[in-house]
Amino acid sequence: MDIIKIIYLVLIFFTVFLVVLVVLTQLATRPLKARLQFVVDGSKSGVGRIADTFEEPAWITRIVELTQPMAKFSLPSEGWEKSKLRIRFMNAGYRSGMAPTLFFIVKTLLTFTFPAIFVLYTIISGTIIKSNVFLLFIVGLSAIGYFLPNAFLARRIAYRKREIFESFPDAMDLIIVCVEAGLGLDAALARVGEEMHMRSPILGDELHLINLELRAGSSRERALRNLALRTGVEDIDTLVAMLVQSDRFGTSIADALRVHADSLRTKRRFRAEEAAAKIALKLLFPLIFFIFPSMLLVLLGPAFIGINTILLPTFSGQ
């Protein structure tokens, strides 16, 4: 056996071994740790529940510590923590301090891993590729590995924004009910944050973070603007501006919330109608390239076979 094949098999063995070891380590039961966690959860407040979302498992921390030097290859220039990239991480729900480091580590690893796998495949299979085509494949695979985490992050942001947008009108209805029942806006947000955990955990956590900021001494305006910054939803930004103006000029908050909830519900209905109108266009190409050829083959195939069996002896006789 060639030495390259041996190295390739050894790499595959160690990769599979490490993946299985990590999975078994995470899935293994630890009775003492489970009992201690149960005792801690019994006396844990809402602050502790939110804080748990920021903590990473120990194995992720160790991986970050070992592979952190790799992140420097794709890390942007200084000051990126205050740039739009940091806001994108918040919009995606990644608030941990290790999330950016993991992101750039994955970018660096994928940038070098995809071309390395391609080179090993060409060496093992013995495929002969021209130099310009080979270079094109290397550059293309490196670009795919570099931009693949960006696509994942964008998809995560879009999913989270859609989840918040679809659940926010229901949360606003609950806020209106609480405000009209006599609760203040801060207490209403805290109450709705607890209730929305069953309907939408993402929105429930965001509303609970407002309550935590208010408990920490932040002003209501700053807490609401931080909510708009974390979510990245334009409608929430409009709502925050409306609430700030209502609080500043002393107008009715319930009326402002009711008007904005109606507009959000109307916009959600229009978006659903738009998605339904696009279905016909989206089904056009699958119908043309996949369904119609299969139907023609099923419907006209027996006829062509029958015609062939009838005409073939005639032509052979001539």
C-alpha atoms as a PDB file:
ATOM      1  CA  MET A   1       0.000   0.000   0.000  1.00  0.00           C
ATOM      2  CA  ASP A   2       1.228   3.482  -0.866  1.00  0.00           C
ATOM      3  CA  ILE A   3       2.412   5.748   1.967  1.00  0.00           C
ATOM      4  CA  ILE A   4      -0.110   8.451   0.945  1.00  0.00           C
ATOM      5  CA  LYS A   5      -2.981   5.994   1.326  1.00  0.00           C
ATOM      6  CA  ILE A   6      -1.705   4.941   4.742  1.00  0.00           C
ATOM      7  CA  ILE A   7      -1.546   8.582   5.896  1.00  0.00           C
ATOM      8  CA  TYR A   8      -5.039   9.181   4.515  1.00  0.00           C
ATOM      9  CA  LEU A   9      -6.465   6.174   6.378  1.00  0.00           C
ATOM     10  CA  VAL A  10      -4.725   7.198   9.609  1.00  0.00           C
ATOM     11  CA  LEU A  11      -6.210  10.698   9.342  1.00  0.00           C
ATOM     12  CA  ILE A  12      -9.672   9.254   8.788  1.00  0.00           C
ATOM     13  CA  PHE A  13      -9.256   6.929  11.775  1.00  0.00           C
ATOM     14  CA  PHE A  14      -8.189   9.711  14.154  1.00  0.00           C
ATOM     15  CA  THR A  15     -10.927  12.025  12.907  1.00  0.00           C
ATOM     16  CA  VAL A  16     -13.647   9.437  13.463  1.00  0.00           C
ATOM     17  CA  PHE A  17     -12.121   8.495  16.824  1.00  0.00           C
ATOM     18  CA  LEU A  18     -12.122  12.099  18.053  1.00  0.00           C
ATOM     19  CA  VAL A  19     -15.688  12.727  16.861  1.00  0.00           C
ATOM     20  CA  VAL A  20     -16.980   9.573  18.562  1.00  0.00           C
ATOM     21  CA  LEU A  21     -15.037  10.389  21.738  1.00  0.00           C
ATOM     22  CA  VAL A  22     -16.521  13.884  21.927  1.00  0.00           C
ATOM     23  CA  VAL A  23     -20.042  12.590  21.308  1.00  0.00           C
ATOM     24  CA  LEU A  24     -19.720   9.854  23.925  1.00  0.00           C
ATOM     25  CA  THR A  25     -18.243  12.310  26.404  1.00  0.00           C
ATOM     26  CA  GLN A  26     -21.169  14.670  25.979  1.00  0.00           C
ATOM     27  CA  LEU A  27     -23.821  11.956  26.033  1.00  0.00           C
ATOM     28  CA  ALA A  28     -22.365  10.032  28.958  1.00  0.00           C
ATOM     29  CA  THR A  29     -24.413  10.250  32.135  1.00  0.00           C
ATOM     30  CA  ARG A  30     -22.829  11.836  35.195  1.00  0.00           C
ATOM     31  CA  PRO A  31     -25.052  11.106  38.230  1.00  0.00           C
ATOM     32  CA  LEU A  32     -23.231  13.424  40.629  1.00  0.00           C
ATOM     33  CA  LYS A  33     -23.250  16.337  38.221  1.00  0.00           C
ATOM     34  CA  ALA A  34     -26.903  15.751  37.380  1.00  0.00           C
ATOM     35  CA  ARG A  35     -27.914  15.797  41.056  1.00  0.00           C
ATOM     36  CA  LEU A  36     -25.893  18.948  41.734  1.00  0.00           C
ATOM     37  CA  GLN A  37     -27.451  20.613  38.692  1.00  0.00           C
ATOM     38  CA  PHE A  38     -30.909  19.653  39.957  1.00  0.00           C
ATOM     39  CA  VAL A  39     -30.174  21.250  43.329  1.00  0.00           C
ATOM     40  CA  VAL A  40     -28.858  24.402  41.672  1.00  0.00           C
ATOM     41  CA  ASP A  41     -31.836  24.639  39.292  1.00  0.00           C
ATOM     42  CA  GLY A  42     -34.219  24.350  42.210  1.00  0.00           C
ATOM     43  CA  SER A  43     -33.022  27.644  43.650  1.00  0.00           C
ATOM     44  CA  LYS A  44     -32.057  29.397  40.432  1.00  0.00           C
ATOM     45  CA  SER A  45     -33.785  32.602  39.415  1.00  0.00           C
ATOM     46  CA  GLY A  46     -34.510  33.886  35.932  1.00  0.00           C
ATOM     47  CA  VAL A  47     -31.143  35.629  35.886  1.00  0.00           C
ATOM     48  CA  GLY A  48     -29.423  32.280  36.215  1.00  0.00           C
ATOM     49  CA  ARG A  49     -31.456  30.801  33.373  1.00  0.00           C
ATOM     50  CA  ILE A  50     -30.382  33.558  31.029  1.00  0.00           C
ATOM     51  CA  ALA A  51     -26.789  33.366  32.237  1.00  0.00           C
ATOM     52  CA  ASP A  52     -26.693  29.678  31.326  1.00  0.00           C
ATOM     53  CA  THR A  53     -27.177  30.592  27.676  1.00  0.00           C
ATOM     54  CA  PHE A  54     -23.872  32.489  27.754  1.00  0.00           C
ATOM     55  CA  GLU A  55     -21.861  29.606  29.221  1.00  0.00           C
ATOM     56  CA  GLU A  56     -20.152  27.172  26.899  1.00  0.00           C
ATOM     57  CA  PRO A  57     -19.369  23.522  27.620  1.00  0.00           C
ATOM     58  CA  ALA A  58     -15.906  22.730  28.876  1.00  0.00           C
ATOM     59  CA  TRP A  59     -14.893  20.856  25.723  1.00  0.00           C
ATOM     60  CA  ILE A  60     -15.745  23.865  23.534  1.00  0.00           C
ATOM     61  CA  THR A  61     -13.638  26.056  25.802  1.00  0.00           C
ATOM     62  CA  ARG A  62     -10.691  23.676  25.453  1.00  0.00           C
ATOM     63  CA  ILE A  63     -11.046  23.540  21.678  1.00  0.00           C
ATOM     64  CA  VAL A  64     -11.118  27.335  21.496  1.00  0.00           C
ATOM     65  CA  GLU A  65      -8.000  27.596  23.640  1.00  0.00           C
ATOM     66  CA  LEU A  66      -6.124  25.107  21.449  1.00  0.00           C
ATOM     67  CA  THR A  67      -7.198  26.490  18.075  1.00  0.00           C
ATOM     68  CA  GLN A  68      -7.337  30.198  18.897  1.00  0.00           C
ATOM     69  CA  PRO A  69      -4.075  31.001  17.032  1.00  0.00           C
ATOM     70  CA  MET A  70      -5.748  29.777  13.813  1.00  0.00           C
ATOM     71  CA  ALA A  71      -8.384  32.488  14.080  1.00  0.00           C
ATOM     72  CA  LYS A  72      -5.747  35.161  13.487  1.00  0.00           C
ATOM     73  CA  PHE A  73      -5.522  34.178   9.807  1.00  0.00           C
ATOM     74  CA  SER A  74      -9.088  35.378   9.123  1.00  0.00           C
ATOM     75  CA  LEU A  75      -9.597  37.851  11.984  1.00  0.00           C
ATOM     76  CA  PRO A  76     -10.463  41.376  10.743  1.00  0.00           C
ATOM     77  CA  SER A  77      -8.550  44.464  11.690  1.00  0.00           C
ATOM     78  CA  GLU A  78      -8.750  46.044  15.114  1.00  0.00           C
ATOM     79  CA  GLY A  79     -12.029  47.488  16.300  1.00  0.00           C
ATOM     80  CA  TRP A  80     -14.236  44.820  14.757  1.00  0.00           C
ATOM     81  CA  GLU A  81     -15.928  44.264  18.153  1.00  0.00           C
ATOM     82  CA  LYS A  82     -17.795  47.564  17.672  1.00  0.00           C
ATOM     83  CA  SER A  83     -18.456  47.098  13.967  1.00  0.00           C
ATOM     84  CA  LYS A  84     -21.433  45.673  12.105  1.00  0.00           C
ATOM     85  CA  LEU A  85     -19.973  42.174  12.403  1.00  0.00           C
ATOM     86  CA  ARG A  86     -20.452  42.220  16.166  1.00  0.00           C
ATOM     87  CA  ILE A  87     -24.046  43.369  15.662  1.00  0.00           C
ATOM     88  CA  ARG A  88     -24.590  40.457  13.283  1.00  0.00           C
ATOM     89  CA  PHE A  89     -23.500  38.049  16.008  1.00  0.00           C
ATOM     90  CA  MET A  90     -26.015  39.630  18.368  1.00  0.00           C
ATOM     91  CA  ASN A  91     -28.727  39.419  15.719  1.00  0.00           C
ATOM     92  CA  ALA A  92     -27.956  35.719  15.323  1.00  0.00           C
ATOM     93  CA  GLY A  93     -28.271  35.176  19.076  1.00  0.00           C
ATOM     94  CA  TYR A  94     -24.577  34.432  19.702  1.00  0.00           C
ATOM     95  CA  ARG A  95     -23.760  36.567  22.745  1.00  0.00           C
ATOM     96  CA  SER A  96     -20.931  34.453  24.123  1.00  0.00           C
ATOM     97  CA  GLY A  97     -17.456  35.910  24.076  1.00  0.00           C
ATOM     98  CA  MET A  98     -16.145  32.780  22.359  1.00  0.00           C
ATOM     99  CA  ALA A  99     -18.609  32.958  19.444  1.00  0.00           C
ATOM    100  CA  PRO A 100     -16.470  35.297  17.271  1.00  0.00           C
ATOM    101  CA  THR A 101     -13.354  33.242  17.945  1.00  0.00           C
ATOM    102  CA  LEU A 102     -15.148  30.018  17.012  1.00  0.00           C
ATOM    103  CA  PHE A 103     -16.516  31.677  13.889  1.00  0.00           C
ATOM    104  CA  PHE A 104     -13.103  32.720  12.604  1.00  0.00           C
ATOM    105  CA  ILE A 105     -11.570  29.389  13.609  1.00  0.00           C
ATOM    106  CA  VAL A 106     -14.160  27.582  11.502  1.00  0.00           C
ATOM    107  CA  LYS A 107     -13.531  29.963   8.594  1.00  0.00           C
ATOM    108  CA  THR A 108      -9.796  29.270   8.727  1.00  0.00           C
ATOM    109  CA  LEU A 109     -10.183  25.500   9.076  1.00  0.00           C
ATOM    110  CA  LEU A 110     -12.673  25.220   6.218  1.00  0.00           C
ATOM    111  CA  THR A 111     -10.504  27.429   4.006  1.00  0.00           C
ATOM    112  CA  PHE A 112      -7.604  24.984   4.323  1.00  0.00           C
ATOM    113  CA  THR A 113      -9.557  21.731   4.805  1.00  0.00           C
ATOM    114  CA  PHE A 114     -11.538  21.711   1.558  1.00  0.00           C
ATOM    115  CA  PRO A 115      -8.461  22.158  -0.704  1.00  0.00           C
ATOM    116  CA  ALA A 116      -6.505  19.617   1.393  1.00  0.00           C
ATOM    117  CA  ILE A 117      -9.247  17.004   0.947  1.00  0.00           C
ATOM    118  CA  PHE A 118      -9.313  17.687  -2.790  1.00  0.00           C
ATOM    119  CA  VAL A 119      -5.536  17.335  -3.065  1.00  0.00           C
ATOM    120  CA  LEU A 120      -5.574  14.045  -1.123  1.00  0.00           C
ATOM    121  CA  TYR A 121      -8.384  12.745  -3.329  1.00  0.00           C
ATOM    122  CA  THR A 122      -6.506  13.551  -6.530  1.00  0.00           C
ATOM    123  CA  ILE A 123      -3.323  11.931  -5.192  1.00  0.00           C
ATOM    124  CA  ILE A 124      -5.065   8.755  -4.023  1.00  0.00           C
ATOM    125  CA  SER A 125      -7.263   8.350  -7.093  1.00  0.00           C
ATOM    126  CA  GLY A 126      -4.412   9.183  -9.463  1.00  0.00           C
ATOM    127  CA  THR A 127      -6.530  11.647 -11.415  1.00  0.00           C
ATOM    128  CA  ILE A 128      -4.528  13.810 -13.803  1.00  0.00           C
ATOM    129  CA  ILE A 129      -5.754  17.417 -13.837  1.00  0.00           C
ATOM    130  CA  LYS A 130      -4.294  20.319 -15.742  1.00  0.00           C
ATOM    131  CA  SER A 131      -2.463  22.896 -13.676  1.00  0.00           C
ATOM    132  CA  ASN A 132      -4.827  25.770 -14.445  1.00  0.00           C
ATOM    133  CA  VAL A 133      -7.915  23.652 -13.705  1.00  0.00           C
ATOM    134  CA  PHE A 134      -6.283  22.327 -10.527  1.00  0.00           C
ATOM    135  CA  LEU A 135      -5.518  25.866  -9.366  1.00  0.00           C
ATOM    136  CA  LEU A 136      -9.079  26.911 -10.168  1.00  0.00           C
ATOM    137  CA  PHE A 137     -10.463  24.082  -8.024  1.00  0.00           C
ATOM    138  CA  ILE A 138      -8.142  24.981  -5.141  1.00  0.00           C
ATOM    139  CA  VAL A 139      -9.139  28.645  -5.215  1.00  0.00           C
ATOM    140  CA  GLY A 140     -12.837  27.798  -5.570  1.00  0.00           C
ATOM    141  CA  LEU A 141     -12.828  25.345  -2.675  1.00  0.00           C
ATOM    142  CA  SER A 142     -10.926  27.820  -0.500  1.00  0.00           C
ATOM    143  CA  ALA A 143     -13.491  30.518  -1.295  1.00  0.00           C
ATOM    144  CA  ILE A 144     -16.365  28.138  -0.494  1.00  0.00           C
ATOM    145  CA  GLY A 145     -14.782  27.212   2.833  1.00  0.00           C
ATOM    146  CA  TYR A 146     -14.147  30.856   3.678  1.00  0.00           C
ATOM    147  CA  PHE A 147     -17.655  32.137   2.877  1.00  0.00           C
ATOM    148  CA  LEU A 148     -19.634  29.108   4.083  1.00  0.00           C
ATOM    149  CA  PRO A 149     -19.740  30.324   7.729  1.00  0.00           C
ATOM    150  CA  ASN A 150     -20.988  33.701   6.468  1.00  0.00           C
ATOM    151  CA  ALA A 151     -23.870  31.963   4.693  1.00  0.00           C
ATOM    152  CA  PHE A 152     -24.675  29.999   7.838  1.00  0.00           C
ATOM    153  CA  LEU A 153     -24.628  33.183   9.921  1.00  0.00           C
ATOM    154  CA  ALA A 154     -26.888  34.993   7.447  1.00  0.00           C
ATOM    155  CA  ARG A 155     -29.340  32.086   7.438  1.00  0.00           C
ATOM    156  CA  ARG A 156     -29.351  32.047  11.249  1.00  0.00           C
ATOM    157  CA  ILE A 157     -30.038  35.793  11.360  1.00  0.00           C
ATOM    158  CA  ALA A 158     -32.877  35.505   8.846  1.00  0.00           C
ATOM    159  CA  TYR A 159     -34.477  32.638  10.780  1.00  0.00           C
ATOM    160  CA  ARG A 160     -34.240  34.500  14.071  1.00  0.00           C
ATOM    161  CA  LYS A 161     -35.642  37.716  12.628  1.00  0.00           C
ATOM    162  CA  ARG A 162     -38.548  35.857  11.101  1.00  0.00           C
ATOM    163  CA  GLU A 163     -39.277  34.067  14.379  1.00  0.00           C
ATOM    164  CA  ILE A 164     -39.306  37.362  16.283  1.00  0.00           C
ATOM    165  CA  PHE A 165     -41.391  39.129  13.631  1.00  0.00           C
ATOM    166  CA  GLU A 166     -44.051  36.424  13.565  1.00  0.00           C
ATOM    167  CA  SER A 167     -44.305  36.196  17.360  1.00  0.00           C
ATOM    168  CA  PHE A 168     -44.111  39.875  18.186  1.00  0.00           C
ATOM    169  CA  PRO A 169     -47.775  40.807  17.428  1.00  0.00           C
ATOM    170  CA  ASP A 170     -48.932  38.189  19.958  1.00  0.00           C
ATOM    171  CA  ALA A 171     -46.502  39.578  22.523  1.00  0.00           C
ATOM    172  CA  MET A 172     -47.805  43.092  21.897  1.00  0.00           C
ATOM    173  CA  ASP A 173     -51.378  41.924  22.492  1.00  0.00           C
ATOM    174  CA  LEU A 174     -50.280  40.525  25.850  1.00  0.00           C
ATOM    175  CA  ILE A 175     -48.475  43.768  26.678  1.00  0.00           C
ATOM    176  CA  ILE A 176     -51.641  45.734  25.855  1.00  0.00           C
ATOM    177  CA  VAL A 177     -53.697  43.491  28.137  1.00  0.00           C
ATOM    178  CA  CYS A 178     -51.198  43.905  30.973  1.00  0.00           C
ATOM    179  CA  VAL A 179     -50.980  47.684  30.554  1.00  0.00           C
ATOM    180  CA  GLU A 180     -54.753  48.081  30.451  1.00  0.00           C
ATOM    181  CA  ALA A 181     -55.030  45.866  33.552  1.00  0.00           C
ATOM    182  CA  GLY A 182     -52.979  48.396  35.517  1.00  0.00           C
ATOM    183  CA  LEU A 183     -49.405  47.154  35.218  1.00  0.00           C
ATOM    184  CA  GLY A 184     -46.588  49.475  34.290  1.00  0.00           C
ATOM    185  CA  LEU A 185     -44.650  48.974  31.083  1.00  0.00           C
ATOM    186  CA  ASP A 186     -41.656  47.465  32.896  1.00  0.00           C
ATOM    187  CA  ALA A 187     -43.807  44.965  34.800  1.00  0.00           C
ATOM    188  CA  ALA A 188     -45.771  44.191  31.631  1.00  0.00           C
ATOM    189  CA  LEU A 189     -42.574  43.420  29.712  1.00  0.00           C
ATOM    190  CA  ALA A 190     -41.373  41.158  32.526  1.00  0.00           C
ATOM    191  CA  ARG A 191     -44.696  39.314  32.654  1.00  0.00           C
ATOM    192  CA  VAL A 192     -44.953  38.896  28.878  1.00  0.00           C
ATOM    193  CA  GLY A 193     -41.339  37.703  28.751  1.00  0.00           C
ATOM    194  CA  GLU A 194     -42.242  34.846  31.088  1.00  0.00           C
ATOM    195  CA  GLU A 195     -45.396  33.967  29.140  1.00  0.00           C
ATOM    196  CA  MET A 196     -43.720  34.102  25.708  1.00  0.00           C
ATOM    197  CA  HIS A 197     -41.181  31.425  26.628  1.00  0.00           C
ATOM    198  CA  MET A 198     -43.765  28.787  25.673  1.00  0.00           C
ATOM    199  CA  ARG A 199     -44.734  30.444  22.374  1.00  0.00           C
ATOM    200  CA  SER A 200     -41.345  31.750  21.267  1.00  0.00           C
ATOM    201  CA  PRO A 201     -38.275  31.137  23.477  1.00  0.00           C
ATOM    202  CA  ILE A 202     -36.211  33.555  21.377  1.00  0.00           C
ATOM    203  CA  LEU A 203     -38.555  36.484  21.930  1.00  0.00           C
ATOM    204  CA  GLY A 204     -39.068  35.467  25.567  1.00  0.00           C
ATOM    205  CA  ASP A 205     -35.322  35.649  26.214  1.00  0.00           C
ATOM    206  CA  GLU A 206     -35.079  39.051  24.546  1.00  0.00           C
ATOM    207  CA  LEU A 207     -37.903  40.461  26.657  1.00  0.00           C
ATOM    208  CA  HIS A 208     -36.361  38.930  29.773  1.00  0.00           C
ATOM    209  CA  LEU A 209     -33.060  40.622  28.969  1.00  0.00           C
ATOM    210  CA  ILE A 210     -34.896  43.963  29.061  1.00  0.00           C
ATOM    211  CA  ASN A 211     -36.038  43.121  32.569  1.00  0.00           C
ATOM    212  CA  LEU A 212     -32.477  42.263  33.579  1.00  0.00           C
ATOM    213  CA  GLU A 213     -31.148  45.547  32.210  1.00  0.00           C
ATOM    214  CA  LEU A 214     -33.810  47.482  34.089  1.00  0.00           C
ATOM    215  CA  ARG A 215     -32.916  45.635  37.296  1.00  0.00           C
ATOM    216  CA  ALA A 216     -29.261  46.474  36.733  1.00  0.00           C
ATOM    217  CA  GLY A 217     -30.107  50.185  36.727  1.00  0.00           C
ATOM    218  CA  SER A 218     -30.326  50.921  33.018  1.00  0.00           C
ATOM    219  CA  SER A 219     -32.913  53.376  31.807  1.00  0.00           C
ATOM    220  CA  ARG A 220     -35.994  52.187  29.983  1.00  0.00           C
ATOM    221  CA  GLU A 221     -35.010  54.015  26.809  1.00  0.00           C
ATOM    222  CA  ARG A 222     -31.570  52.390  26.747  1.00  0.00           C
ATOM    223  CA  ALA A 223     -33.016  48.927  27.429  1.00  0.00           C
ATOM    224  CA  LEU A 224     -35.545  49.292  24.613  1.00  0.00           C
ATOM    225  CA  ARG A 225     -32.923  50.560  22.171  1.00  0.00           C
ATOM    226  CA  ASN A 226     -30.697  47.612  23.105  1.00  0.00           C
ATOM    227  CA  LEU A 227     -33.628  45.319  22.286  1.00  0.00           C
ATOM    228  CA  ALA A 228     -33.911  46.857  18.818  1.00  0.00           C
ATOM    229  CA  LEU A 229     -30.139  46.533  18.347  1.00  0.00           C
ATOM    230  CA  ARG A 230     -30.058  42.865  19.432  1.00  0.00           C
ATOM    231  CA  THR A 231     -32.985  41.744  17.316  1.00  0.00           C
ATOM    232  CA  GLY A 232     -32.244  43.766  14.179  1.00  0.00           C
ATOM    233  CA  VAL A 233     -35.944  43.814  13.250  1.00  0.00           C
ATOM    234  CA  GLU A 234     -37.023  47.096  11.706  1.00  0.00           C
ATOM    235  CA  ASP A 235     -40.535  46.930  13.159  1.00  0.00           C
ATOM    236  CA  ILE A 236     -39.169  46.600  16.687  1.00  0.00           C
ATOM    237  CA  ASP A 237     -36.984  49.630  16.068  1.00  0.00           C
ATOM    238  CA  THR A 238     -40.111  51.563  15.063  1.00  0.00           C
ATOM    239  CA  LEU A 239     -41.924  50.331  18.169  1.00  0.00           C
ATOM    240  CA  VAL A 240     -39.055  51.395  20.406  1.00  0.00           C
ATOM    241  CA  ALA A 241     -39.090  54.883  18.913  1.00  0.00           C
ATOM    242  CA  MET A 242     -42.855  55.032  19.447  1.00  0.00           C
ATOM    243  CA  LEU A 243     -42.579  53.913  23.080  1.00  0.00           C
ATOM    244  CA  VAL A 244     -39.795  56.395  23.780  1.00  0.00           C
ATOM    245  CA  GLN A 245     -41.872  59.231  22.321  1.00  0.00           C
ATOM    246  CA  SER A 246     -44.968  58.137  24.258  1.00  0.00           C
ATOM    247  CA  ASP A 247     -42.965  57.988  27.488  1.00  0.00           C
ATOM    248  CA  ARG A 248     -41.379  61.363  26.810  1.00  0.00           C
ATOM    249  CA  PHE A 249     -44.591  63.242  25.952  1.00  0.00           C
ATOM    250  CA  GLY A 250     -46.927  61.350  28.300  1.00  0.00           C
ATOM    251  CA  THR A 251     -49.315  59.926  25.693  1.00  0.00           C
ATOM    252  CA  SER A 252     -51.208  56.652  26.099  1.00  0.00           C
ATOM    253  CA  ILE A 253     -48.907  53.667  25.686  1.00  0.00           C
ATOM    254  CA  ALA A 254     -51.798  51.231  25.219  1.00  0.00           C
ATOM    255  CA  ASP A 255     -53.162  53.140  22.209  1.00  0.00           C
ATOM    256  CA  ALA A 256     -49.714  53.324  20.609  1.00  0.00           C
ATOM    257  CA  LEU A 257     -49.191  49.609  21.161  1.00  0.00           C
ATOM    258  CA  ARG A 258     -52.595  48.760  19.722  1.00  0.00           C
ATOM    259  CA  VAL A 259     -51.983  50.765  16.545  1.00  0.00           C
ATOM    260  CA  HIS A 260     -48.555  49.251  16.061  1.00  0.00           C
ATOM    261  CA  ALA A 261     -49.854  45.727  16.733  1.00  0.00           C
ATOM    262  CA  ASP A 262     -52.508  46.177  14.024  1.00  0.00           C
ATOM    263  CA  SER A 263     -49.900  47.376  11.548  1.00  0.00           C
ATOM    264  CA  LEU A 264     -47.621  44.433  12.393  1.00  0.00           C
ATOM    265  CA  ARG A 265     -50.458  41.974  11.974  1.00  0.00           C
ATOM    266  CA  THR A 266     -51.359  43.527   8.612  1.00  0.00           C
ATOM    267  CA  LYS A 267     -47.750  43.345   7.486  1.00  0.00           C
ATOM    268  CA  ARG A 268     -47.560  39.704   8.560  1.00  0.00           C
ATOM    269  CA  ARG A 269     -50.680  38.918   6.523  1.00  0.00           C
ATOM    270  CA  PHE A 270     -49.262  40.708   3.473  1.00  0.00           C
ATOM    271  CA  ARG A 271     -46.029  38.743   3.801  1.00  0.00           C
ATOM    272  CA  ALA A 272     -47.989  35.475   3.925  1.00  0.00           C
ATOM    273  CA  GLU A 273     -49.975  36.492   0.837  1.00  0.00           C
ATOM    274  CA  GLU A 274     -46.742  37.390  -0.950  1.00  0.00           C
ATOM    275  CA  ALA A 275     -45.230  34.007  -0.110  1.00  0.00           C
ATOM    276  CA  ALA A 276     -48.392  32.277  -1.361  1.00  0.00           C
ATOM    277  CA  ALA A 277     -48.274  34.246  -4.614  1.00  0.00           C
ATOM    278  CA  LYS A 278     -44.687  33.136  -5.239  1.00  0.00           C
ATOM    279  CA  ILE A 279     -45.562  29.443  -5.011  1.00  0.00           C
ATOM    280  CA  ALA A 280     -46.729  29.232  -8.641  1.00  0.00           C
ATOM    281  CA  LEU A 281     -43.463  30.695  -9.931  1.00  0.00           C
ATOM    282  CA  LYS A 282     -41.361  28.499  -7.651  1.00  0.00           C
ATOM    283  CA  LEU A 283     -43.201  25.376  -8.832  1.00  0.00           C
ATOM    284  CA  LEU A 284     -42.689  26.230 -12.505  1.00  0.00           C
ATOM    285  CA  PHE A 285     -39.133  24.955 -12.872  1.00  0.00           C
ATOM    286  CA  PRO A 286     -39.633  21.705 -10.885  1.00  0.00           C
ATOM    287  CA  LEU A 287     -42.711  21.004 -13.007  1.00  0.00           C
ATOM    288  CA  ILE A 288     -40.850  21.585 -16.263  1.00  0.00           C
ATOM    289  CA  PHE A 289     -37.640  19.723 -15.456  1.00  0.00           C
ATOM    290  CA  PHE A 290     -38.793  16.915 -13.132  1.00  0.00           C
ATOM    291  CA  ILE A 291     -42.536  16.262 -13.092  1.00  0.00           C
ATOM    292  CA  PHE A 292     -43.498  16.751 -16.760  1.00  0.00           C
ATOM    293  CA  PRO A 293     -40.720  14.467 -18.153  1.00  0.00           C
ATOM    294  CA  SER A 294     -41.758  11.733 -15.714  1.00  0.00           C
ATOM    295  CA  MET A 295     -45.434  12.098 -16.682  1.00  0.00           C
ATOM    296  CA  LEU A 296     -44.589  12.014 -20.379  1.00  0.00           C
ATOM    297  CA  LEU A 297     -42.468   8.929 -19.865  1.00  0.00           C
ATOM    298  CA  VAL A 298     -45.245   7.154 -17.954  1.00  0.00           C
ATOM    299  CA  LEU A 299     -48.024   8.185 -20.369  1.00  0.00           C
ATOM    300  CA  LEU A 300     -46.254   7.923 -23.727  1.00  0.00           C
ATOM    301  CA  GLY A 301     -43.754   5.179 -22.888  1.00  0.00           C
ATOM    302  CA  PRO A 302     -46.165   2.226 -23.414  1.00  0.00           C
ATOM    303  CA  ALA A 303     -47.422   3.782 -26.647  1.00  0.00           C
ATOM    304  CA  PHE A 304     -43.894   4.098 -28.030  1.00  0.00           C
ATOM    305  CA  ILE A 305     -43.122   0.533 -27.001  1.00  0.00           C
ATOM    306  CA  GLY A 306     -46.286  -0.713 -28.738  1.00  0.00           C
ATOM    307  CA  ILE A 307     -45.502   1.229 -31.894  1.00  0.00           C
ATOM    308  CA  ASN A 308     -41.970  -0.103 -31.862  1.00  0.00           C
ATOM    309  CA  THR A 309     -43.137  -3.719 -31.536  1.00  0.00           C
ATOM    310  CA  ILE A 310     -45.591  -3.255 -34.434  1.00  0.00           C
ATOM    311  CA  LEU A 311     -43.319  -1.380 -36.846  1.00  0.00           C
ATOM    312  CA  LEU A 312     -40.083  -3.254 -36.136  1.00  0.00           C
ATOM    313  CA  PRO A 313     -41.109  -6.530 -37.869  1.00  0.00           C
ATOM    314  CA  THR A 314     -42.398  -4.537 -40.842  1.00  0.00           C
ATOM    315  CA  PHE A 315     -39.127  -2.676 -41.356  1.00  0.00           C
ATOM    316  CA  SER A 316     -37.107  -5.820 -40.785  1.00  0.00           C
ATOM    317  CA  GLY A 317     -39.181  -7.642 -43.433  1.00  0.00           C
ATOM    318  CA  GLN A 318     -38.505  -4.942 -45.993  1.00  0.00           C
END
